[in-house]
Amino acid sequence: MSLATEKSADVLVVMPEGQIHSANATGIEAELMAQVDKGERKMVMDLARLEFISSAGLRVLLVLAKRLKQEGGALVLCGLSPQVREVFEISGFLAILTATATREEALAKLA
């Protein structure tokens, strides 16, 4: 599992690659919260290279979204593959979190 990041104006784009599950969710959450602690307020999670996400991974994204909202920011997801999108749909998380098809749309939502 790797978490690549890049800045696009005032938005931090995070690109997880691999899988987010109970064995690595705590470390990923710590990395993401460290970014918020450093002052990041707008984040796009580009999930195009995410192969699998478990309930532990969903929890990380929910905690991140809540923290960003508390800080006056926002989280937008993009690039969900069909299998990852299905997990979000079944869990009801697409009703809670904002998701777009492309990174460009996600960045536009945060502009």
PDB file of N, CA and C in Angstrom:
ATOM      1  N   MET A   1       0.848  -1.187   0.000  1.00  0.00           N
ATOM      2  CA  MET A   1       0.000   0.000   0.000  1.00  0.00           C
ATOM      3  C   MET A   1       0.884   1.237   0.000  1.00  0.00           C
ATOM      4  N   SER A   2       0.616   2.135  -0.918  1.00  0.00           N
ATOM      5  CA  SER A   2       1.345   3.402  -0.923  1.00  0.00           C
ATOM      6  C   SER A   2       0.349   4.548  -1.058  1.00  0.00           C
ATOM      7  N   LEU A   3       0.750   5.704  -0.506  1.00  0.00           N
ATOM      8  CA  LEU A   3      -0.073   6.915  -0.570  1.00  0.00           C
ATOM      9  C   LEU A   3       0.749   8.006  -1.241  1.00  0.00           C
ATOM     10  N   ALA A   4       0.555   8.197  -2.519  1.00  0.00           N
ATOM     11  CA  ALA A   4       1.225   9.290  -3.219  1.00  0.00           C
ATOM     12  C   ALA A   4       0.370  10.538  -3.058  1.00  0.00           C
ATOM     13  N   THR A   5       1.020  11.703  -3.018  1.00  0.00           N
ATOM     14  CA  THR A   5       0.281  12.960  -2.908  1.00  0.00           C
ATOM     15  C   THR A   5       0.844  13.975  -3.888  1.00  0.00           C
ATOM     16  N   GLU A   6      -0.015  14.888  -4.298  1.00  0.00           N
ATOM     17  CA  GLU A   6       0.421  16.032  -5.098  1.00  0.00           C
ATOM     18  C   GLU A   6      -0.517  17.191  -4.816  1.00  0.00           C
ATOM     19  N   LYS A   7       0.012  18.411  -4.976  1.00  0.00           N
ATOM     20  CA  LYS A   7      -0.798  19.607  -4.742  1.00  0.00           C
ATOM     21  C   LYS A   7      -1.338  20.124  -6.063  1.00  0.00           C
ATOM     22  N   SER A   8      -2.594  20.545  -6.052  1.00  0.00           N
ATOM     23  CA  SER A   8      -3.208  21.210  -7.191  1.00  0.00           C
ATOM     24  C   SER A   8      -3.866  22.459  -6.631  1.00  0.00           C
ATOM     25  N   ALA A   9      -3.197  23.590  -6.773  1.00  0.00           N
ATOM     26  CA  ALA A   9      -3.605  24.850  -6.138  1.00  0.00           C
ATOM     27  C   ALA A   9      -3.647  24.630  -4.629  1.00  0.00           C
ATOM     28  N   ASP A  10      -4.809  24.825  -3.992  1.00  0.00           N
ATOM     29  CA  ASP A  10      -4.891  24.642  -2.540  1.00  0.00           C
ATOM     30  C   ASP A  10      -5.503  23.290  -2.158  1.00  0.00           C
ATOM     31  N   VAL A  11      -5.517  22.348  -3.111  1.00  0.00           N
ATOM     32  CA  VAL A  11      -6.100  21.024  -2.864  1.00  0.00           C
ATOM     33  C   VAL A  11      -4.987  19.978  -2.825  1.00  0.00           C
ATOM     34  N   LEU A  12      -5.020  19.124  -1.807  1.00  0.00           N
ATOM     35  CA  LEU A  12      -4.084  17.998  -1.741  1.00  0.00           C
ATOM     36  C   LEU A  12      -4.767  16.794  -2.391  1.00  0.00           C
ATOM     37  N   VAL A  13      -4.140  16.261  -3.428  1.00  0.00           N
ATOM     38  CA  VAL A  13      -4.661  15.069  -4.092  1.00  0.00           C
ATOM     39  C   VAL A  13      -3.900  13.866  -3.536  1.00  0.00           C
ATOM     40  N   VAL A  14      -4.636  12.919  -2.966  1.00  0.00           N
ATOM     41  CA  VAL A  14      -4.042  11.716  -2.387  1.00  0.00           C
ATOM     42  C   VAL A  14      -4.414  10.540  -3.277  1.00  0.00           C
ATOM     43  N   MET A  15      -3.401   9.746  -3.641  1.00  0.00           N
ATOM     44  CA  MET A  15      -3.616   8.619  -4.554  1.00  0.00           C
ATOM     45  C   MET A  15      -3.169   7.308  -3.899  1.00  0.00           C
ATOM     46  N   PRO A  16      -4.074   6.667  -3.173  1.00  0.00           N
ATOM     47  CA  PRO A  16      -3.708   5.378  -2.585  1.00  0.00           C
ATOM     48  C   PRO A  16      -3.597   4.317  -3.672  1.00  0.00           C
ATOM     49  N   GLU A  17      -2.613   3.434  -3.515  1.00  0.00           N
ATOM     50  CA  GLU A  17      -2.434   2.358  -4.478  1.00  0.00           C
ATOM     51  C   GLU A  17      -2.385   1.044  -3.713  1.00  0.00           C
ATOM     52  N   GLY A  18      -3.157   0.065  -4.181  1.00  0.00           N
ATOM     53  CA  GLY A  18      -3.181  -1.237  -3.520  1.00  0.00           C
ATOM     54  C   GLY A  18      -4.483  -1.462  -2.775  1.00  0.00           C
ATOM     55  N   GLN A  19      -4.348  -1.806  -1.492  1.00  0.00           N
ATOM     56  CA  GLN A  19      -5.516  -2.143  -0.687  1.00  0.00           C
ATOM     57  C   GLN A  19      -5.495  -1.387   0.636  1.00  0.00           C
ATOM     58  N   ILE A  20      -6.700  -1.027   1.103  1.00  0.00           N
ATOM     59  CA  ILE A  20      -6.840  -0.463   2.452  1.00  0.00           C
ATOM     60  C   ILE A  20      -7.687  -1.450   3.239  1.00  0.00           C
ATOM     61  N   HIS A  21      -7.086  -2.014   4.280  1.00  0.00           N
ATOM     62  CA  HIS A  21      -7.778  -3.023   5.097  1.00  0.00           C
ATOM     63  C   HIS A  21      -7.348  -2.876   6.551  1.00  0.00           C
ATOM     64  N   SER A  22      -7.831  -3.751   7.407  1.00  0.00           N
ATOM     65  CA  SER A  22      -7.591  -3.605   8.841  1.00  0.00           C
ATOM     66  C   SER A  22      -6.110  -3.610   9.207  1.00  0.00           C
ATOM     67  N   ALA A  23      -5.268  -4.279   8.420  1.00  0.00           N
ATOM     68  CA  ALA A  23      -3.842  -4.355   8.749  1.00  0.00           C
ATOM     69  C   ALA A  23      -3.103  -3.033   8.517  1.00  0.00           C
ATOM     70  N   ASN A  24      -3.599  -2.190   7.591  1.00  0.00           N
ATOM     71  CA  ASN A  24      -2.879  -0.952   7.310  1.00  0.00           C
ATOM     72  C   ASN A  24      -3.709   0.321   7.525  1.00  0.00           C
ATOM     73  N   ALA A  25      -4.963   0.186   7.899  1.00  0.00           N
ATOM     74  CA  ALA A  25      -5.857   1.347   8.023  1.00  0.00           C
ATOM     75  C   ALA A  25      -5.373   2.348   9.073  1.00  0.00           C
ATOM     76  N   THR A  26      -4.850   1.872  10.184  1.00  0.00           N
ATOM     77  CA  THR A  26      -4.403   2.775  11.246  1.00  0.00           C
ATOM     78  C   THR A  26      -3.263   3.659  10.767  1.00  0.00           C
ATOM     79  N   GLY A  27      -2.308   3.068  10.055  1.00  0.00           N
ATOM     80  CA  GLY A  27      -1.181   3.835   9.526  1.00  0.00           C
ATOM     81  C   GLY A  27      -1.618   4.846   8.485  1.00  0.00           C
ATOM     82  N   ILE A  28      -2.544   4.449   7.627  1.00  0.00           N
ATOM     83  CA  ILE A  28      -3.064   5.353   6.597  1.00  0.00           C
ATOM     84  C   ILE A  28      -3.798   6.512   7.247  1.00  0.00           C
ATOM     85  N   GLU A  29      -4.618   6.212   8.239  1.00  0.00           N
ATOM     86  CA  GLU A  29      -5.343   7.269   8.954  1.00  0.00           C
ATOM     87  C   GLU A  29      -4.352   8.257   9.579  1.00  0.00           C
ATOM     88  N   ALA A  30      -3.279   7.745  10.183  1.00  0.00           N
ATOM     89  CA  ALA A  30      -2.278   8.614  10.807  1.00  0.00           C
ATOM     90  C   ALA A  30      -1.630   9.526   9.764  1.00  0.00           C
ATOM     91  N   GLU A  31      -1.310   8.986   8.589  1.00  0.00           N
ATOM     92  CA  GLU A  31      -0.703   9.789   7.514  1.00  0.00           C
ATOM     93  C   GLU A  31      -1.652  10.898   7.053  1.00  0.00           C
ATOM     94  N   LEU A  32      -2.927  10.541   6.883  1.00  0.00           N
ATOM     95  CA  LEU A  32      -3.906  11.520   6.408  1.00  0.00           C
ATOM     96  C   LEU A  32      -4.164  12.595   7.458  1.00  0.00           C
ATOM     97  N   MET A  33      -4.261  12.201   8.721  1.00  0.00           N
ATOM     98  CA  MET A  33      -4.494  13.179   9.793  1.00  0.00           C
ATOM     99  C   MET A  33      -3.284  14.099   9.953  1.00  0.00           C
ATOM    100  N   ALA A  34      -2.086  13.590   9.692  1.00  0.00           N
ATOM    101  CA  ALA A  34      -0.879  14.425   9.747  1.00  0.00           C
ATOM    102  C   ALA A  34      -0.965  15.533   8.700  1.00  0.00           C
ATOM    103  N   GLN A  35      -1.538  15.217   7.540  1.00  0.00           N
ATOM    104  CA  GLN A  35      -1.713  16.241   6.497  1.00  0.00           C
ATOM    105  C   GLN A  35      -2.685  17.326   6.972  1.00  0.00           C
ATOM    106  N   VAL A  36      -3.752  16.920   7.644  1.00  0.00           N
ATOM    107  CA  VAL A  36      -4.714  17.890   8.175  1.00  0.00           C
ATOM    108  C   VAL A  36      -4.035  18.734   9.259  1.00  0.00           C
ATOM    109  N   ASP A  37      -3.242  18.083  10.105  1.00  0.00           N
ATOM    110  CA  ASP A  37      -2.519  18.809  11.156  1.00  0.00           C
ATOM    111  C   ASP A  37      -1.561  19.837  10.571  1.00  0.00           C
ATOM    112  N   LYS A  38      -1.033  19.552   9.373  1.00  0.00           N
ATOM    113  CA  LYS A  38      -0.116  20.488   8.703  1.00  0.00           C
ATOM    114  C   LYS A  38      -0.855  21.635   8.028  1.00  0.00           C
ATOM    115  N   GLY A  39      -2.195  21.585   8.031  1.00  0.00           N
ATOM    116  CA  GLY A  39      -2.959  22.688   7.478  1.00  0.00           C
ATOM    117  C   GLY A  39      -3.746  22.379   6.216  1.00  0.00           C
ATOM    118  N   GLU A  40      -3.684  21.147   5.737  1.00  0.00           N
ATOM    119  CA  GLU A  40      -4.475  20.800   4.547  1.00  0.00           C
ATOM    120  C   GLU A  40      -5.960  20.823   4.919  1.00  0.00           C
ATOM    121  N   ARG A  41      -6.779  21.470   4.080  1.00  0.00           N
ATOM    122  CA  ARG A  41      -8.212  21.562   4.361  1.00  0.00           C
ATOM    123  C   ARG A  41      -9.065  20.993   3.236  1.00  0.00           C
ATOM    124  N   LYS A  42      -8.529  20.971   2.024  1.00  0.00           N
ATOM    125  CA  LYS A  42      -9.265  20.432   0.881  1.00  0.00           C
ATOM    126  C   LYS A  42      -8.485  19.247   0.338  1.00  0.00           C
ATOM    127  N   MET A  43      -9.169  18.089   0.290  1.00  0.00           N
ATOM    128  CA  MET A  43      -8.506  16.888  -0.209  1.00  0.00           C
ATOM    129  C   MET A  43      -9.356  16.172  -1.243  1.00  0.00           C
ATOM    130  N   VAL A  44      -8.671  15.662  -2.253  1.00  0.00           N
ATOM    131  CA  VAL A  44      -9.279  14.760  -3.222  1.00  0.00           C
ATOM    132  C   VAL A  44      -8.607  13.411  -3.023  1.00  0.00           C
ATOM    133  N   MET A  45      -9.414  12.371  -2.847  1.00  0.00           N
ATOM    134  CA  MET A  45      -8.884  11.007  -2.799  1.00  0.00           C
ATOM    135  C   MET A  45      -9.131  10.396  -4.171  1.00  0.00           C
ATOM    136  N   ASP A  46      -8.064  10.266  -4.951  1.00  0.00           N
ATOM    137  CA  ASP A  46      -8.154   9.663  -6.280  1.00  0.00           C
ATOM    138  C   ASP A  46      -7.956   8.163  -6.103  1.00  0.00           C
ATOM    139  N   LEU A  47      -9.055   7.425  -6.196  1.00  0.00           N
ATOM    140  CA  LEU A  47      -9.042   5.989  -5.890  1.00  0.00           C
ATOM    141  C   LEU A  47      -8.858   5.114  -7.126  1.00  0.00           C
ATOM    142  N   ALA A  48      -8.361   5.687  -8.218  1.00  0.00           N
ATOM    143  CA  ALA A  48      -8.214   4.941  -9.472  1.00  0.00           C
ATOM    144  C   ALA A  48      -7.306   3.718  -9.330  1.00  0.00           C
ATOM    145  N   ARG A  49      -6.314   3.800  -8.427  1.00  0.00           N
ATOM    146  CA  ARG A  49      -5.379   2.673  -8.270  1.00  0.00           C
ATOM    147  C   ARG A  49      -5.640   1.859  -7.008  1.00  0.00           C
ATOM    148  N   LEU A  50      -6.805   2.104  -6.394  1.00  0.00           N
ATOM    149  CA  LEU A  50      -7.180   1.323  -5.211  1.00  0.00           C
ATOM    150  C   LEU A  50      -7.868   0.047  -5.675  1.00  0.00           C
ATOM    151  N   GLU A  51      -7.323  -1.089  -5.271  1.00  0.00           N
ATOM    152  CA  GLU A  51      -7.869  -2.386  -5.704  1.00  0.00           C
ATOM    153  C   GLU A  51      -8.962  -2.893  -4.770  1.00  0.00           C
ATOM    154  N   PHE A  52      -8.861  -2.545  -3.477  1.00  0.00           N
ATOM    155  CA  PHE A  52      -9.773  -3.098  -2.472  1.00  0.00           C
ATOM    156  C   PHE A  52      -9.835  -2.149  -1.290  1.00  0.00           C
ATOM    157  N   ILE A  53     -11.019  -2.024  -0.700  1.00  0.00           N
ATOM    158  CA  ILE A  53     -11.176  -1.269   0.540  1.00  0.00           C
ATOM    159  C   ILE A  53     -12.115  -2.041   1.455  1.00  0.00           C
ATOM    160  N   SER A  54     -11.691  -2.231   2.697  1.00  0.00           N
ATOM    161  CA  SER A  54     -12.519  -2.943   3.682  1.00  0.00           C
ATOM    162  C   SER A  54     -13.294  -1.931   4.516  1.00  0.00           C
ATOM    163  N   SER A  55     -14.073  -2.429   5.458  1.00  0.00           N
ATOM    164  CA  SER A  55     -14.823  -1.530   6.343  1.00  0.00           C
ATOM    165  C   SER A  55     -13.868  -0.652   7.151  1.00  0.00           C
ATOM    166  N   ALA A  56     -12.692  -1.167   7.468  1.00  0.00           N
ATOM    167  CA  ALA A  56     -11.700  -0.363   8.193  1.00  0.00           C
ATOM    168  C   ALA A  56     -11.247   0.809   7.325  1.00  0.00           C
ATOM    169  N   GLY A  57     -11.098   0.575   6.033  1.00  0.00           N
ATOM    170  CA  GLY A  57     -10.725   1.642   5.106  1.00  0.00           C
ATOM    171  C   GLY A  57     -11.827   2.666   4.951  1.00  0.00           C
ATOM    172  N   LEU A  58     -13.066   2.193   4.902  1.00  0.00           N
ATOM    173  CA  LEU A  58     -14.208   3.112   4.817  1.00  0.00           C
ATOM    174  C   LEU A  58     -14.244   4.018   6.045  1.00  0.00           C
ATOM    175  N   ARG A  59     -13.956   3.444   7.200  1.00  0.00           N
ATOM    176  CA  ARG A  59     -13.949   4.219   8.438  1.00  0.00           C
ATOM    177  C   ARG A  59     -12.890   5.326   8.370  1.00  0.00           C
ATOM    178  N   VAL A  60     -11.712   5.011   7.829  1.00  0.00           N
ATOM    179  CA  VAL A  60     -10.651   6.013   7.693  1.00  0.00           C
ATOM    180  C   VAL A  60     -11.148   7.202   6.870  1.00  0.00           C
ATOM    181  N   LEU A  61     -11.812   6.919   5.750  1.00  0.00           N
ATOM    182  CA  LEU A  61     -12.306   8.001   4.892  1.00  0.00           C
ATOM    183  C   LEU A  61     -13.396   8.807   5.589  1.00  0.00           C
ATOM    184  N   LEU A  62     -14.250   8.138   6.352  1.00  0.00           N
ATOM    185  CA  LEU A  62     -15.304   8.841   7.085  1.00  0.00           C
ATOM    186  C   LEU A  62     -14.705   9.750   8.158  1.00  0.00           C
ATOM    187  N   VAL A  63     -13.725   9.238   8.902  1.00  0.00           N
ATOM    188  CA  VAL A  63     -13.054  10.035   9.938  1.00  0.00           C
ATOM    189  C   VAL A  63     -12.365  11.237   9.294  1.00  0.00           C
ATOM    190  N   LEU A  64     -11.711  11.019   8.150  1.00  0.00           N
ATOM    191  CA  LEU A  64     -11.036  12.109   7.441  1.00  0.00           C
ATOM    192  C   LEU A  64     -12.046  13.160   6.985  1.00  0.00           C
ATOM    193  N   ALA A  65     -13.147  12.729   6.398  1.00  0.00           N
ATOM    194  CA  ALA A  65     -14.164  13.670   5.918  1.00  0.00           C
ATOM    195  C   ALA A  65     -14.715  14.504   7.072  1.00  0.00           C
ATOM    196  N   LYS A  66     -14.985  13.862   8.208  1.00  0.00           N
ATOM    197  CA  LYS A  66     -15.519  14.586   9.371  1.00  0.00           C
ATOM    198  C   LYS A  66     -14.510  15.596   9.893  1.00  0.00           C
ATOM    199  N   ARG A  67     -13.247  15.184   9.966  1.00  0.00           N
ATOM    200  CA  ARG A  67     -12.199  16.080  10.478  1.00  0.00           C
ATOM    201  C   ARG A  67     -12.030  17.288   9.551  1.00  0.00           C
ATOM    202  N   LEU A  68     -12.011  17.049   8.243  1.00  0.00           N
ATOM    203  CA  LEU A  68     -11.873  18.154   7.292  1.00  0.00           C
ATOM    204  C   LEU A  68     -13.058  19.118   7.407  1.00  0.00           C
ATOM    205  N   LYS A  69     -14.255  18.553   7.563  1.00  0.00           N
ATOM    206  CA  LYS A  69     -15.450  19.395   7.693  1.00  0.00           C
ATOM    207  C   LYS A  69     -15.363  20.255   8.958  1.00  0.00           C
ATOM    208  N   GLN A  70     -14.895  19.652  10.065  1.00  0.00           N
ATOM    209  CA  GLN A  70     -14.732  20.401  11.322  1.00  0.00           C
ATOM    210  C   GLN A  70     -13.752  21.559  11.153  1.00  0.00           C
ATOM    211  N   GLU A  71     -12.761  21.370  10.282  1.00  0.00           N
ATOM    212  CA  GLU A  71     -11.722  22.380  10.062  1.00  0.00           C
ATOM    213  C   GLU A  71     -12.111  23.361   8.954  1.00  0.00           C
ATOM    214  N   GLY A  72     -13.347  23.235   8.437  1.00  0.00           N
ATOM    215  CA  GLY A  72     -13.802  24.143   7.397  1.00  0.00           C
ATOM    216  C   GLY A  72     -13.408  23.718   5.993  1.00  0.00           C
ATOM    217  N   GLY A  73     -13.006  22.487   5.846  1.00  0.00           N
ATOM    218  CA  GLY A  73     -12.585  21.969   4.544  1.00  0.00           C
ATOM    219  C   GLY A  73     -13.552  20.939   4.005  1.00  0.00           C
ATOM    220  N   ALA A  74     -13.056  20.116   3.073  1.00  0.00           N
ATOM    221  CA  ALA A  74     -13.919  19.101   2.464  1.00  0.00           C
ATOM    222  C   ALA A  74     -13.070  17.996   1.839  1.00  0.00           C
ATOM    223  N   LEU A  75     -13.713  16.843   1.658  1.00  0.00           N
ATOM    224  CA  LEU A  75     -13.109  15.683   1.000  1.00  0.00           C
ATOM    225  C   LEU A  75     -13.993  15.303  -0.184  1.00  0.00           C
ATOM    226  N   VAL A  76     -13.365  15.060  -1.337  1.00  0.00           N
ATOM    227  CA  VAL A  76     -14.085  14.567  -2.507  1.00  0.00           C
ATOM    228  C   VAL A  76     -13.341  13.343  -3.021  1.00  0.00           C
ATOM    229  N   LEU A  77     -14.091  12.287  -3.306  1.00  0.00           N
ATOM    230  CA  LEU A  77     -13.518  11.056  -3.855  1.00  0.00           C
ATOM    231  C   LEU A  77     -13.671  11.072  -5.366  1.00  0.00           C
ATOM    232  N   CYS A  78     -12.749  10.427  -6.066  1.00  0.00           N
ATOM    233  CA  CYS A  78     -12.890  10.291  -7.512  1.00  0.00           C
ATOM    234  C   CYS A  78     -12.200   9.012  -7.983  1.00  0.00           C
ATOM    235  N   GLY A  79     -12.514   8.623  -9.212  1.00  0.00           N
ATOM    236  CA  GLY A  79     -11.837   7.498  -9.839  1.00  0.00           C
ATOM    237  C   GLY A  79     -12.144   6.137  -9.247  1.00  0.00           C
ATOM    238  N   LEU A  80     -13.334   5.955  -8.706  1.00  0.00           N
ATOM    239  CA  LEU A  80     -13.675   4.667  -8.100  1.00  0.00           C
ATOM    240  C   LEU A  80     -13.848   3.605  -9.188  1.00  0.00           C
ATOM    241  N   SER A  81     -13.113   2.510  -9.057  1.00  0.00           N
ATOM    242  CA  SER A  81     -13.280   1.389  -9.984  1.00  0.00           C
ATOM    243  C   SER A  81     -14.630   0.731  -9.694  1.00  0.00           C
ATOM    244  N   PRO A  82     -15.155  -0.063 -10.627  1.00  0.00           N
ATOM    245  CA  PRO A  82     -16.465  -0.692 -10.383  1.00  0.00           C
ATOM    246  C   PRO A  82     -16.520  -1.494  -9.080  1.00  0.00           C
ATOM    247  N   GLN A  83     -15.461  -2.260  -8.763  1.00  0.00           N
ATOM    248  CA  GLN A  83     -15.507  -3.082  -7.542  1.00  0.00           C
ATOM    249  C   GLN A  83     -15.420  -2.232  -6.278  1.00  0.00           C
ATOM    250  N   VAL A  84     -14.638  -1.154  -6.311  1.00  0.00           N
ATOM    251  CA  VAL A  84     -14.551  -0.261  -5.151  1.00  0.00           C
ATOM    252  C   VAL A  84     -15.851   0.529  -5.015  1.00  0.00           C
ATOM    253  N   ARG A  85     -16.403   0.991  -6.128  1.00  0.00           N
ATOM    254  CA  ARG A  85     -17.679   1.724  -6.100  1.00  0.00           C
ATOM    255  C   ARG A  85     -18.776   0.854  -5.481  1.00  0.00           C
ATOM    256  N   GLU A  86     -18.769  -0.440  -5.800  1.00  0.00           N
ATOM    257  CA  GLU A  86     -19.779  -1.347  -5.251  1.00  0.00           C
ATOM    258  C   GLU A  86     -19.707  -1.390  -3.727  1.00  0.00           C
ATOM    259  N   VAL A  87     -18.505  -1.401  -3.165  1.00  0.00           N
ATOM    260  CA  VAL A  87     -18.339  -1.398  -1.706  1.00  0.00           C
ATOM    261  C   VAL A  87     -18.940  -0.122  -1.115  1.00  0.00           C
ATOM    262  N   PHE A  88     -18.673   1.018  -1.766  1.00  0.00           N
ATOM    263  CA  PHE A  88     -19.224   2.290  -1.294  1.00  0.00           C
ATOM    264  C   PHE A  88     -20.742   2.313  -1.410  1.00  0.00           C
ATOM    265  N   GLU A  89     -21.285   1.746  -2.493  1.00  0.00           N
ATOM    266  CA  GLU A  89     -22.743   1.712  -2.677  1.00  0.00           C
ATOM    267  C   GLU A  89     -23.408   0.823  -1.640  1.00  0.00           C
ATOM    268  N   ILE A  90     -22.879  -0.385  -1.466  1.00  0.00           N
ATOM    269  CA  ILE A  90     -23.473  -1.345  -0.528  1.00  0.00           C
ATOM    270  C   ILE A  90     -23.446  -0.804   0.898  1.00  0.00           C
ATOM    271  N   SER A  91     -22.367  -0.122   1.256  1.00  0.00           N
ATOM    272  CA  SER A  91     -22.207   0.397   2.615  1.00  0.00           C
ATOM    273  C   SER A  91     -23.027   1.678   2.851  1.00  0.00           C
ATOM    274  N   GLY A  92     -23.526   2.275   1.761  1.00  0.00           N
ATOM    275  CA  GLY A  92     -24.270   3.521   1.888  1.00  0.00           C
ATOM    276  C   GLY A  92     -23.378   4.750   1.965  1.00  0.00           C
ATOM    277  N   PHE A  93     -22.081   4.570   1.774  1.00  0.00           N
ATOM    278  CA  PHE A  93     -21.144   5.681   1.911  1.00  0.00           C
ATOM    279  C   PHE A  93     -21.246   6.690   0.768  1.00  0.00           C
ATOM    280  N   LEU A  94     -21.779   6.301  -0.376  1.00  0.00           N
ATOM    281  CA  LEU A  94     -21.936   7.264  -1.461  1.00  0.00           C
ATOM    282  C   LEU A  94     -23.005   8.302  -1.131  1.00  0.00           C
ATOM    283  N   ALA A  95     -23.889   7.967  -0.174  1.00  0.00           N
ATOM    284  CA  ALA A  95     -24.892   8.927   0.272  1.00  0.00           C
ATOM    285  C   ALA A  95     -24.294   9.923   1.268  1.00  0.00           C
ATOM    286  N   ILE A  96     -23.163   9.535   1.891  1.00  0.00           N
ATOM    287  CA  ILE A  96     -22.534  10.357   2.930  1.00  0.00           C
ATOM    288  C   ILE A  96     -21.387  11.192   2.361  1.00  0.00           C
ATOM    289  N   LEU A  97     -20.589  10.572   1.497  1.00  0.00           N
ATOM    290  CA  LEU A  97     -19.395  11.205   0.946  1.00  0.00           C
ATOM    291  C   LEU A  97     -19.648  11.680  -0.481  1.00  0.00           C
ATOM    292  N   THR A  98     -18.914  12.695  -0.905  1.00  0.00           N
ATOM    293  CA  THR A  98     -19.028  13.220  -2.262  1.00  0.00           C
ATOM    294  C   THR A  98     -18.073  12.455  -3.164  1.00  0.00           C
ATOM    295  N   ALA A  99     -18.588  11.945  -4.283  1.00  0.00           N
ATOM    296  CA  ALA A  99     -17.750  11.210  -5.238  1.00  0.00           C
ATOM    297  C   ALA A  99     -18.034  11.708  -6.650  1.00  0.00           C
ATOM    298  N   THR A 100     -16.967  11.832  -7.435  1.00  0.00           N
ATOM    299  CA  THR A 100     -17.092  12.233  -8.832  1.00  0.00           C
ATOM    300  C   THR A 100     -16.394  11.190  -9.704  1.00  0.00           C
ATOM    301  N   ALA A 101     -16.656  11.249 -10.989  1.00  0.00           N
ATOM    302  CA  ALA A 101     -16.052  10.281 -11.910  1.00  0.00           C
ATOM    303  C   ALA A 101     -14.577  10.583 -12.146  1.00  0.00           C
ATOM    304  N   THR A 102     -14.246  11.874 -12.275  1.00  0.00           N
ATOM    305  CA  THR A 102     -12.876  12.230 -12.641  1.00  0.00           C
ATOM    306  C   THR A 102     -12.231  13.156 -11.614  1.00  0.00           C
ATOM    307  N   ARG A 103     -10.912  13.214 -11.666  1.00  0.00           N
ATOM    308  CA  ARG A 103     -10.167  14.111 -10.782  1.00  0.00           C
ATOM    309  C   ARG A 103     -10.515  15.564 -11.093  1.00  0.00           C
ATOM    310  N   GLU A 104     -10.684  15.880 -12.374  1.00  0.00           N
ATOM    311  CA  GLU A 104     -11.013  17.247 -12.766  1.00  0.00           C
ATOM    312  C   GLU A 104     -12.336  17.691 -12.124  1.00  0.00           C
ATOM    313  N   GLU A 105     -13.335  16.798 -12.130  1.00  0.00           N
ATOM    314  CA  GLU A 105     -14.620  17.129 -11.496  1.00  0.00           C
ATOM    315  C   GLU A 105     -14.455  17.308  -9.984  1.00  0.00           C
ATOM    316  N   ALA A 106     -13.636  16.464  -9.388  1.00  0.00           N
ATOM    317  CA  ALA A 106     -13.409  16.554  -7.947  1.00  0.00           C
ATOM    318  C   ALA A 106     -12.742  17.884  -7.589  1.00  0.00           C
ATOM    319  N   LEU A 107     -11.727  18.275  -8.364  1.00  0.00           N
ATOM    320  CA  LEU A 107     -11.045  19.544  -8.119  1.00  0.00           C
ATOM    321  C   LEU A 107     -12.007  20.723  -8.312  1.00  0.00           C
ATOM    322  N   ALA A 108     -12.882  20.622  -9.306  1.00  0.00           N
ATOM    323  CA  ALA A 108     -13.862  21.681  -9.562  1.00  0.00           C
ATOM    324  C   ALA A 108     -14.819  21.833  -8.387  1.00  0.00           C
ATOM    325  N   LYS A 109     -15.195  20.725  -7.734  1.00  0.00           N
ATOM    326  CA  LYS A 109     -16.096  20.782  -6.577  1.00  0.00           C
ATOM    327  C   LYS A 109     -15.450  21.528  -5.418  1.00  0.00           C
ATOM    328  N   LEU A 110     -14.129  21.479  -5.332  1.00  0.00           N
ATOM    329  CA  LEU A 110     -13.427  22.115  -4.217  1.00  0.00           C
ATOM    330  C   LEU A 110     -12.909  23.512  -4.553  1.00  0.00           C
ATOM    331  N   ALA A 111     -13.102  23.930  -5.813  1.00  0.00           N
ATOM    332  CA  ALA A 111     -12.587  25.251  -6.242  1.00  0.00           C
ATOM    333  C   ALA A 111     -13.335  26.389  -5.577  1.00  0.00           C
TER     334      ALA A 111
END
